[in-house]
C-alpha cells in the first residue's frame, strides 16, 4: 500500500513534473552527520566536492549577518 507521500509524488510525476535527484554531496553529508563520526575537516572535504555549495557557504559566512572580521579563506 502506498503512503500519502508516495501517492503525491506519483501524481506529480504523472502530470509531467520532474523531481531532480538529490546531489551526491548532500547524501554524503547526511550519512556523515548521521554517523556521529565527523569533524570539520571531514565535512569540509565533502562540501568542497560541490563548487556551488562551497560558493554559497562562503557568501553566507562573509555576510553582515555573521559579522566576521576575520577573513575566511578555506572551508575548514
N, C-alpha and C. Protein backbone atom coordinates (compact mmCIF):
# COMPACT_ATOMS: atom_id res chain seq x y z
N UNK A 1 0.84 -1.18 0.00
CA UNK A 1 0.00 0.00 0.00
C UNK A 1 0.89 1.25 0.00
N UNK A 2 0.54 2.22 -0.82
CA UNK A 2 1.33 3.45 -0.92
C UNK A 2 0.97 4.42 0.19
N UNK A 3 2.01 5.13 0.67
CA UNK A 3 1.77 6.17 1.67
C UNK A 3 1.26 7.41 0.97
N UNK A 4 0.78 8.37 1.74
CA UNK A 4 0.30 9.63 1.17
C UNK A 4 1.39 10.34 0.39
N UNK A 5 2.62 10.30 0.90
CA UNK A 5 3.75 10.94 0.21
C UNK A 5 4.00 10.28 -1.14
N UNK A 6 3.98 8.96 -1.14
CA UNK A 6 4.21 8.23 -2.39
C UNK A 6 3.12 8.52 -3.41
N UNK A 7 1.89 8.63 -2.95
CA UNK A 7 0.77 8.95 -3.84
C UNK A 7 0.93 10.36 -4.42
N UNK A 8 1.34 11.31 -3.57
CA UNK A 8 1.53 12.69 -4.02
C UNK A 8 2.65 12.77 -5.06
N UNK A 9 3.74 12.06 -4.83
CA UNK A 9 4.86 12.04 -5.78
C UNK A 9 4.44 11.40 -7.09
N UNK A 10 3.70 10.31 -7.02
CA UNK A 10 3.22 9.64 -8.23
C UNK A 10 2.31 10.57 -9.03
N UNK A 11 1.46 11.31 -8.35
CA UNK A 11 0.55 12.25 -9.02
C UNK A 11 1.35 13.36 -9.72
N UNK A 12 2.36 13.90 -9.03
CA UNK A 12 3.19 14.96 -9.62
C UNK A 12 3.95 14.45 -10.84
N UNK A 13 4.57 13.29 -10.71
CA UNK A 13 5.38 12.78 -11.83
C UNK A 13 4.51 12.38 -13.01
N UNK A 14 3.29 11.92 -12.76
CA UNK A 14 2.41 11.54 -13.87
C UNK A 14 1.90 12.77 -14.61
N UNK A 15 1.94 13.93 -13.96
CA UNK A 15 1.48 15.16 -14.62
C UNK A 15 2.61 15.87 -15.36
N UNK A 16 3.78 15.25 -15.41
CA UNK A 16 4.88 15.81 -16.20
C UNK A 16 5.92 16.58 -15.39
N UNK A 17 5.72 16.71 -14.10
CA UNK A 17 6.69 17.42 -13.26
C UNK A 17 7.85 16.48 -12.96
N UNK A 18 9.05 16.97 -13.19
CA UNK A 18 10.25 16.19 -12.94
C UNK A 18 10.87 16.62 -11.61
N UNK A 19 11.17 15.65 -10.77
CA UNK A 19 11.83 15.93 -9.49
C UNK A 19 13.31 15.58 -9.66
N UNK A 20 14.20 16.59 -9.54
CA UNK A 20 15.63 16.30 -9.75
C UNK A 20 16.19 15.41 -8.64
N UNK A 21 17.20 14.63 -8.98
CA UNK A 21 17.81 13.78 -7.96
C UNK A 21 18.56 14.63 -6.93
N UNK A 22 18.67 14.10 -5.74
CA UNK A 22 19.40 14.81 -4.69
C UNK A 22 20.89 14.74 -5.01
N UNK A 23 21.57 15.89 -4.92
CA UNK A 23 23.01 15.89 -5.20
C UNK A 23 23.77 14.92 -4.29
N UNK A 24 24.75 14.26 -4.86
CA UNK A 24 25.54 13.26 -4.13
C UNK A 24 26.19 13.86 -2.88
N UNK A 25 26.61 15.11 -2.98
CA UNK A 25 27.28 15.74 -1.83
C UNK A 25 26.34 15.82 -0.63
N UNK A 26 25.06 16.06 -0.85
CA UNK A 26 24.11 16.12 0.27
C UNK A 26 23.87 14.74 0.86
N UNK A 27 23.88 13.73 0.01
CA UNK A 27 23.73 12.36 0.50
C UNK A 27 24.93 12.00 1.39
N UNK A 28 26.13 12.35 0.92
CA UNK A 28 27.35 12.08 1.70
C UNK A 28 27.35 12.84 3.02
N UNK A 29 26.94 14.11 2.98
CA UNK A 29 26.89 14.91 4.22
C UNK A 29 25.91 14.31 5.22
N UNK A 30 24.73 13.92 4.75
CA UNK A 30 23.73 13.34 5.65
C UNK A 30 24.26 12.07 6.29
N UNK A 31 24.88 11.20 5.49
CA UNK A 31 25.43 9.94 6.03
C UNK A 31 26.49 10.23 7.09
N UNK A 32 27.37 11.19 6.81
CA UNK A 32 28.45 11.51 7.75
C UNK A 32 27.87 12.09 9.04
N UNK A 33 26.90 12.99 8.92
CA UNK A 33 26.31 13.61 10.11
C UNK A 33 25.53 12.60 10.94
N UNK A 34 24.85 11.68 10.28
CA UNK A 34 24.09 10.66 11.00
C UNK A 34 25.00 9.64 11.69
N UNK A 35 26.22 9.49 11.21
CA UNK A 35 27.13 8.51 11.78
C UNK A 35 27.74 8.98 13.11
N UNK A 36 27.62 10.27 13.40
CA UNK A 36 28.23 10.86 14.60
C UNK A 36 29.75 10.70 14.61
N UNK A 37 30.33 10.35 13.48
CA UNK A 37 31.77 10.21 13.35
C UNK A 37 32.25 11.23 12.32
N UNK A 38 32.24 12.50 12.74
CA UNK A 38 32.64 13.54 11.80
C UNK A 38 33.36 14.66 12.53
N UNK A 39 34.10 15.44 11.76
CA UNK A 39 34.74 16.63 12.28
C UNK A 39 34.70 17.68 11.18
N UNK A 40 35.18 18.86 11.45
CA UNK A 40 35.12 19.96 10.49
C UNK A 40 35.86 19.61 9.21
N UNK A 41 37.02 19.01 9.33
CA UNK A 41 37.79 18.67 8.13
C UNK A 41 37.06 17.67 7.24
N UNK A 42 36.44 16.68 7.84
CA UNK A 42 35.70 15.67 7.07
C UNK A 42 34.53 16.32 6.33
N UNK A 43 33.79 17.19 7.03
CA UNK A 43 32.65 17.87 6.40
C UNK A 43 33.13 18.82 5.30
N UNK A 44 34.21 19.54 5.55
CA UNK A 44 34.75 20.47 4.55
C UNK A 44 35.19 19.73 3.29
N UNK A 45 35.76 18.56 3.48
CA UNK A 45 36.22 17.76 2.34
C UNK A 45 35.03 17.34 1.46
N UNK A 46 33.93 17.00 2.08
CA UNK A 46 32.73 16.61 1.34
C UNK A 46 32.14 17.84 0.63
N UNK A 47 32.01 18.95 1.34
CA UNK A 47 31.43 20.17 0.77
C UNK A 47 32.28 20.67 -0.40
N UNK A 48 33.58 20.53 -0.30
CA UNK A 48 34.49 21.01 -1.35
C UNK A 48 34.26 20.32 -2.69
N UNK A 49 33.60 19.19 -2.68
CA UNK A 49 33.31 18.47 -3.93
C UNK A 49 32.28 19.21 -4.78
N UNK A 50 31.53 20.12 -4.17
CA UNK A 50 30.48 20.85 -4.89
C UNK A 50 30.82 22.34 -4.90
N UNK A 51 31.33 22.85 -6.03
CA UNK A 51 31.74 24.26 -6.09
C UNK A 51 30.60 25.24 -5.79
N UNK A 52 29.40 24.91 -6.23
CA UNK A 52 28.25 25.80 -5.98
C UNK A 52 27.92 25.90 -4.51
N UNK A 53 27.92 24.77 -3.83
CA UNK A 53 27.65 24.75 -2.39
C UNK A 53 28.76 25.47 -1.63
N UNK A 54 30.00 25.26 -2.05
CA UNK A 54 31.13 25.95 -1.41
C UNK A 54 31.00 27.46 -1.55
N UNK A 55 30.64 27.91 -2.76
CA UNK A 55 30.50 29.35 -3.00
C UNK A 55 29.37 29.94 -2.15
N UNK A 56 28.25 29.24 -2.05
CA UNK A 56 27.14 29.74 -1.23
C UNK A 56 27.54 29.80 0.25
N UNK A 57 28.31 28.84 0.71
CA UNK A 57 28.76 28.83 2.09
C UNK A 57 29.66 30.02 2.38
N UNK A 58 30.62 30.28 1.47
CA UNK A 58 31.50 31.45 1.64
C UNK A 58 30.69 32.74 1.64
N UNK A 59 29.72 32.84 0.75
CA UNK A 59 28.89 34.04 0.67
C UNK A 59 28.12 34.26 1.97
N UNK A 60 27.57 33.19 2.51
CA UNK A 60 26.82 33.30 3.76
C UNK A 60 27.72 33.72 4.92
N UNK A 61 28.90 33.12 5.01
CA UNK A 61 29.80 33.42 6.12
C UNK A 61 30.33 34.85 6.04
N UNK A 62 30.50 35.35 4.84
CA UNK A 62 31.01 36.71 4.67
C UNK A 62 29.91 37.77 4.78
N UNK A 63 28.68 37.37 4.94
CA UNK A 63 27.58 38.33 5.00
C UNK A 63 27.60 39.08 6.34
N UNK A 64 26.96 40.24 6.38
CA UNK A 64 26.91 41.03 7.62
C UNK A 64 26.20 40.29 8.76
N UNK A 65 25.39 39.31 8.44
CA UNK A 65 24.67 38.56 9.48
C UNK A 65 25.64 37.92 10.45
N UNK A 66 26.73 37.38 9.92
CA UNK A 66 27.72 36.74 10.77
C UNK A 66 28.73 37.74 11.31
N UNK A 67 28.90 38.86 10.62
CA UNK A 67 29.79 39.91 11.09
C UNK A 67 31.21 39.45 11.35
N UNK A 68 31.72 38.60 10.52
CA UNK A 68 33.08 38.07 10.72
C UNK A 68 34.11 39.11 10.28
N UNK A 69 34.94 39.53 11.18
CA UNK A 69 36.01 40.46 10.82
C UNK A 69 37.22 39.68 10.29
N UNK A 70 37.31 38.43 10.64
CA UNK A 70 38.40 37.58 10.18
C UNK A 70 38.11 37.11 8.77
N UNK A 71 39.09 37.19 7.89
CA UNK A 71 38.92 36.77 6.51
C UNK A 71 38.90 35.23 6.45
N UNK A 72 37.86 34.68 5.85
CA UNK A 72 37.73 33.25 5.70
C UNK A 72 38.32 32.83 4.36
N UNK A 73 39.27 31.92 4.38
CA UNK A 73 39.94 31.53 3.15
C UNK A 73 39.80 30.05 2.82
N UNK A 74 39.27 29.26 3.74
CA UNK A 74 39.11 27.83 3.45
C UNK A 74 37.79 27.35 4.07
N UNK A 75 37.31 26.22 3.59
CA UNK A 75 36.09 25.66 4.14
C UNK A 75 36.29 25.19 5.57
N UNK A 76 37.47 24.74 5.90
CA UNK A 76 37.74 24.28 7.26
C UNK A 76 37.63 25.42 8.23
